[in-house]
Amino acid sequence: QLRLVESGGGVVESGGSLKISCVASGRGLSPYDLSWYRQALGKEREFVASIQSVTRYTRYADSVKGRFTMSRDNLKMTVDLQMNDLRPDDTAIYYCHARRDSSEYWGRGTQVTVSS
């Protein structure tokens, strides 16, 4: 079982920056493809960014490309999302996700609020 705990959320002004993190425990992180998703109030959960386990290839949603950067540290068991030039429509609960073959795990999320 892999446990994921997000942190670092908060309130930031439009145009500001914030880094959120996800700490894993229970198993080694290296075999897992990792992703960040977000869910705004009244909307469906949507993909934000991902980083593959072996190649470290990263992929971003068009809405965050050029503003967000995802990284992982398998030794520290952490995955980060650096968010710059934040906008009010980035307001959401951000979830950490890990997948390996048919197994997947979710964190409980961290709230990010961007004020205009």
C-alpha atoms as a PDB file:
ATOM      1  CA  GLN A   1       0.000   0.000   0.000  1.00  0.00           C
ATOM      2  CA  LEU A   2       1.317   3.427  -0.946  1.00  0.00           C
ATOM      3  CA  ARG A   3       0.190   6.380   1.171  1.00  0.00           C
ATOM      4  CA  LEU A   4       0.269   9.883  -0.292  1.00  0.00           C
ATOM      5  CA  VAL A   5      -0.017  13.078   1.727  1.00  0.00           C
ATOM      6  CA  GLU A   6      -0.141  16.489   0.091  1.00  0.00           C
ATOM      7  CA  SER A   7       0.916  19.748   1.718  1.00  0.00           C
ATOM      8  CA  GLY A   8       1.775  23.331   0.889  1.00  0.00           C
ATOM      9  CA  GLY A   9      -1.592  24.623  -0.215  1.00  0.00           C
ATOM     10  CA  GLY A  10      -2.845  28.031   0.805  1.00  0.00           C
ATOM     11  CA  VAL A  11      -4.087  31.400  -0.364  1.00  0.00           C
ATOM     12  CA  VAL A  12      -2.023  33.404  -2.850  1.00  0.00           C
ATOM     13  CA  GLU A  13      -2.696  36.504  -4.901  1.00  0.00           C
ATOM     14  CA  SER A  14      -3.131  36.367  -8.644  1.00  0.00           C
ATOM     15  CA  GLY A  15       0.275  36.331 -10.310  1.00  0.00           C
ATOM     16  CA  GLY A  16       1.918  34.780  -7.271  1.00  0.00           C
ATOM     17  CA  SER A  17       3.711  31.474  -6.804  1.00  0.00           C
ATOM     18  CA  LEU A  18       3.216  28.437  -4.620  1.00  0.00           C
ATOM     19  CA  LYS A  19       4.855  25.055  -4.322  1.00  0.00           C
ATOM     20  CA  ILE A  20       2.842  22.069  -3.218  1.00  0.00           C
ATOM     21  CA  SER A  21       4.353  18.752  -2.256  1.00  0.00           C
ATOM     22  CA  CYS A  22       3.349  15.149  -1.876  1.00  0.00           C
ATOM     23  CA  VAL A  23       5.135  12.773   0.469  1.00  0.00           C
ATOM     24  CA  ALA A  24       4.830   9.047  -0.076  1.00  0.00           C
ATOM     25  CA  SER A  25       5.221   6.249   2.442  1.00  0.00           C
ATOM     26  CA  GLY A  26       4.667   2.544   2.629  1.00  0.00           C
ATOM     27  CA  ARG A  27       6.486   1.556  -0.543  1.00  0.00           C
ATOM     28  CA  GLY A  28       9.257   2.753  -2.775  1.00  0.00           C
ATOM     29  CA  LEU A  29       8.192   5.547  -5.076  1.00  0.00           C
ATOM     30  CA  SER A  30      10.472   4.851  -8.024  1.00  0.00           C
ATOM     31  CA  PRO A  31       8.285   2.308  -9.908  1.00  0.00           C
ATOM     32  CA  TYR A  32       5.268   4.623  -9.991  1.00  0.00           C
ATOM     33  CA  ASP A  33       4.150   7.080 -12.612  1.00  0.00           C
ATOM     34  CA  LEU A  34       3.110  10.186 -10.692  1.00  0.00           C
ATOM     35  CA  SER A  35       0.555  12.837 -11.475  1.00  0.00           C
ATOM     36  CA  TRP A  36      -1.154  15.900 -10.077  1.00  0.00           C
ATOM     37  CA  TYR A  37      -4.869  16.409 -10.623  1.00  0.00           C
ATOM     38  CA  ARG A  38      -7.130  19.189  -9.417  1.00  0.00           C
ATOM     39  CA  GLN A  39     -10.805  19.662  -8.779  1.00  0.00           C
ATOM     40  CA  ALA A  40     -12.483  23.026  -8.570  1.00  0.00           C
ATOM     41  CA  LEU A  41     -15.756  23.487  -6.754  1.00  0.00           C
ATOM     42  CA  GLY A  42     -18.598  22.160  -8.874  1.00  0.00           C
ATOM     43  CA  LYS A  43     -16.306  20.779 -11.566  1.00  0.00           C
ATOM     44  CA  GLU A  44     -14.864  17.404 -12.429  1.00  0.00           C
ATOM     45  CA  ARG A  45     -11.357  16.399 -11.444  1.00  0.00           C
ATOM     46  CA  GLU A  46      -8.885  17.255 -14.195  1.00  0.00           C
ATOM     47  CA  PHE A  47      -5.337  16.315 -15.099  1.00  0.00           C
ATOM     48  CA  VAL A  48      -2.658  18.889 -14.321  1.00  0.00           C
ATOM     49  CA  ALA A  49       0.756  17.269 -14.788  1.00  0.00           C
ATOM     50  CA  SER A  50       2.554  13.930 -14.778  1.00  0.00           C
ATOM     51  CA  ILE A  51       6.055  12.528 -14.607  1.00  0.00           C
ATOM     52  CA  GLN A  52       6.949   9.006 -15.641  1.00  0.00           C
ATOM     53  CA  SER A  53       8.827   6.588 -13.434  1.00  0.00           C
ATOM     54  CA  VAL A  54      11.746   5.611 -15.669  1.00  0.00           C
ATOM     55  CA  THR A  55      12.130   8.257 -18.354  1.00  0.00           C
ATOM     56  CA  ARG A  56      11.125  11.170 -16.071  1.00  0.00           C
ATOM     57  CA  TYR A  57       9.168  12.457 -19.065  1.00  0.00           C
ATOM     58  CA  THR A  58       6.815  15.223 -17.944  1.00  0.00           C
ATOM     59  CA  ARG A  59       3.512  16.216 -19.451  1.00  0.00           C
ATOM     60  CA  TYR A  60       1.312  19.187 -18.647  1.00  0.00           C
ATOM     61  CA  ALA A  61      -2.237  20.278 -19.275  1.00  0.00           C
ATOM     62  CA  ASP A  62      -2.393  23.114 -21.786  1.00  0.00           C
ATOM     63  CA  SER A  63      -3.874  25.385 -19.121  1.00  0.00           C
ATOM     64  CA  VAL A  64      -0.732  25.180 -16.946  1.00  0.00           C
ATOM     65  CA  LYS A  65       2.007  24.657 -19.524  1.00  0.00           C
ATOM     66  CA  GLY A  66       4.821  27.149 -19.054  1.00  0.00           C
ATOM     67  CA  ARG A  67       3.622  28.100 -15.556  1.00  0.00           C
ATOM     68  CA  PHE A  68       3.782  24.842 -13.577  1.00  0.00           C
ATOM     69  CA  THR A  69       6.754  22.517 -13.123  1.00  0.00           C
ATOM     70  CA  MET A  70       6.523  19.014 -11.699  1.00  0.00           C
ATOM     71  CA  SER A  71       9.460  17.165 -10.198  1.00  0.00           C
ATOM     72  CA  ARG A  72      10.104  14.035  -8.166  1.00  0.00           C
ATOM     73  CA  ASP A  73      12.755  12.797  -5.755  1.00  0.00           C
ATOM     74  CA  ASN A  74      12.552   9.037  -5.364  1.00  0.00           C
ATOM     75  CA  LEU A  75      15.057   8.936  -2.509  1.00  0.00           C
ATOM     76  CA  LYS A  76      13.133  11.510  -0.491  1.00  0.00           C
ATOM     77  CA  MET A  77       9.834   9.945  -1.599  1.00  0.00           C
ATOM     78  CA  THR A  78       8.480  13.319  -2.657  1.00  0.00           C
ATOM     79  CA  VAL A  79       6.846  14.852  -5.678  1.00  0.00           C
ATOM     80  CA  ASP A  80       6.495  18.607  -6.046  1.00  0.00           C
ATOM     81  CA  LEU A  81       4.492  20.990  -8.161  1.00  0.00           C
ATOM     82  CA  GLN A  82       5.929  24.475  -8.522  1.00  0.00           C
ATOM     83  CA  MET A  83       3.172  26.830  -9.616  1.00  0.00           C
ATOM     84  CA  ASN A  84       4.006  30.279 -10.969  1.00  0.00           C
ATOM     85  CA  ASP A  85       1.878  33.087 -12.358  1.00  0.00           C
ATOM     86  CA  LEU A  86      -1.156  31.700 -10.595  1.00  0.00           C
ATOM     87  CA  ARG A  87      -4.598  32.715 -11.767  1.00  0.00           C
ATOM     88  CA  PRO A  88      -8.000  32.656 -10.039  1.00  0.00           C
ATOM     89  CA  ASP A  89      -9.063  29.727 -12.231  1.00  0.00           C
ATOM     90  CA  ASP A  90      -6.207  27.683 -10.735  1.00  0.00           C
ATOM     91  CA  THR A  91      -8.214  27.619  -7.497  1.00  0.00           C
ATOM     92  CA  ALA A  92      -8.929  23.993  -6.660  1.00  0.00           C
ATOM     93  CA  ILE A  93      -8.081  21.074  -4.455  1.00  0.00           C
ATOM     94  CA  TYR A  94      -4.886  19.518  -5.798  1.00  0.00           C
ATOM     95  CA  TYR A  95      -4.459  15.755  -5.563  1.00  0.00           C
ATOM     96  CA  CYS A  96      -1.357  13.609  -5.834  1.00  0.00           C
ATOM     97  CA  HIS A  97      -1.767  10.357  -7.786  1.00  0.00           C
ATOM     98  CA  ALA A  98       0.477   7.335  -8.251  1.00  0.00           C
ATOM     99  CA  ARG A  99       0.001   4.499 -10.709  1.00  0.00           C
ATOM    100  CA  ARG A 100       1.851   1.262 -11.373  1.00  0.00           C
ATOM    101  CA  ASP A 101       0.258  -1.357 -13.620  1.00  0.00           C
ATOM    102  CA  SER A 102      -3.266  -1.840 -12.260  1.00  0.00           C
ATOM    103  CA  SER A 103      -2.579  -0.253  -8.869  1.00  0.00           C
ATOM    104  CA  GLU A 104      -3.285   3.390  -8.240  1.00  0.00           C
ATOM    105  CA  TYR A 105      -3.328   5.598  -5.169  1.00  0.00           C
ATOM    106  CA  TRP A 106      -4.655   9.045  -4.333  1.00  0.00           C
ATOM    107  CA  GLY A 107      -3.858  11.538  -1.635  1.00  0.00           C
ATOM    108  CA  ARG A 108      -6.555  13.515   0.149  1.00  0.00           C
ATOM    109  CA  GLY A 109      -5.639  16.766  -1.506  1.00  0.00           C
ATOM    110  CA  THR A 110      -4.478  20.238  -0.587  1.00  0.00           C
ATOM    111  CA  GLN A 111      -6.495  23.403  -1.202  1.00  0.00           C
ATOM    112  CA  VAL A 112      -5.017  26.131  -3.383  1.00  0.00           C
ATOM    113  CA  THR A 113      -6.904  29.414  -3.536  1.00  0.00           C
ATOM    114  CA  VAL A 114      -5.868  32.243  -5.849  1.00  0.00           C
ATOM    115  CA  SER A 115      -7.423  35.611  -5.068  1.00  0.00           C
ATOM    116  CA  SER A 116      -8.011  38.170  -7.789  1.00  0.00           C
END
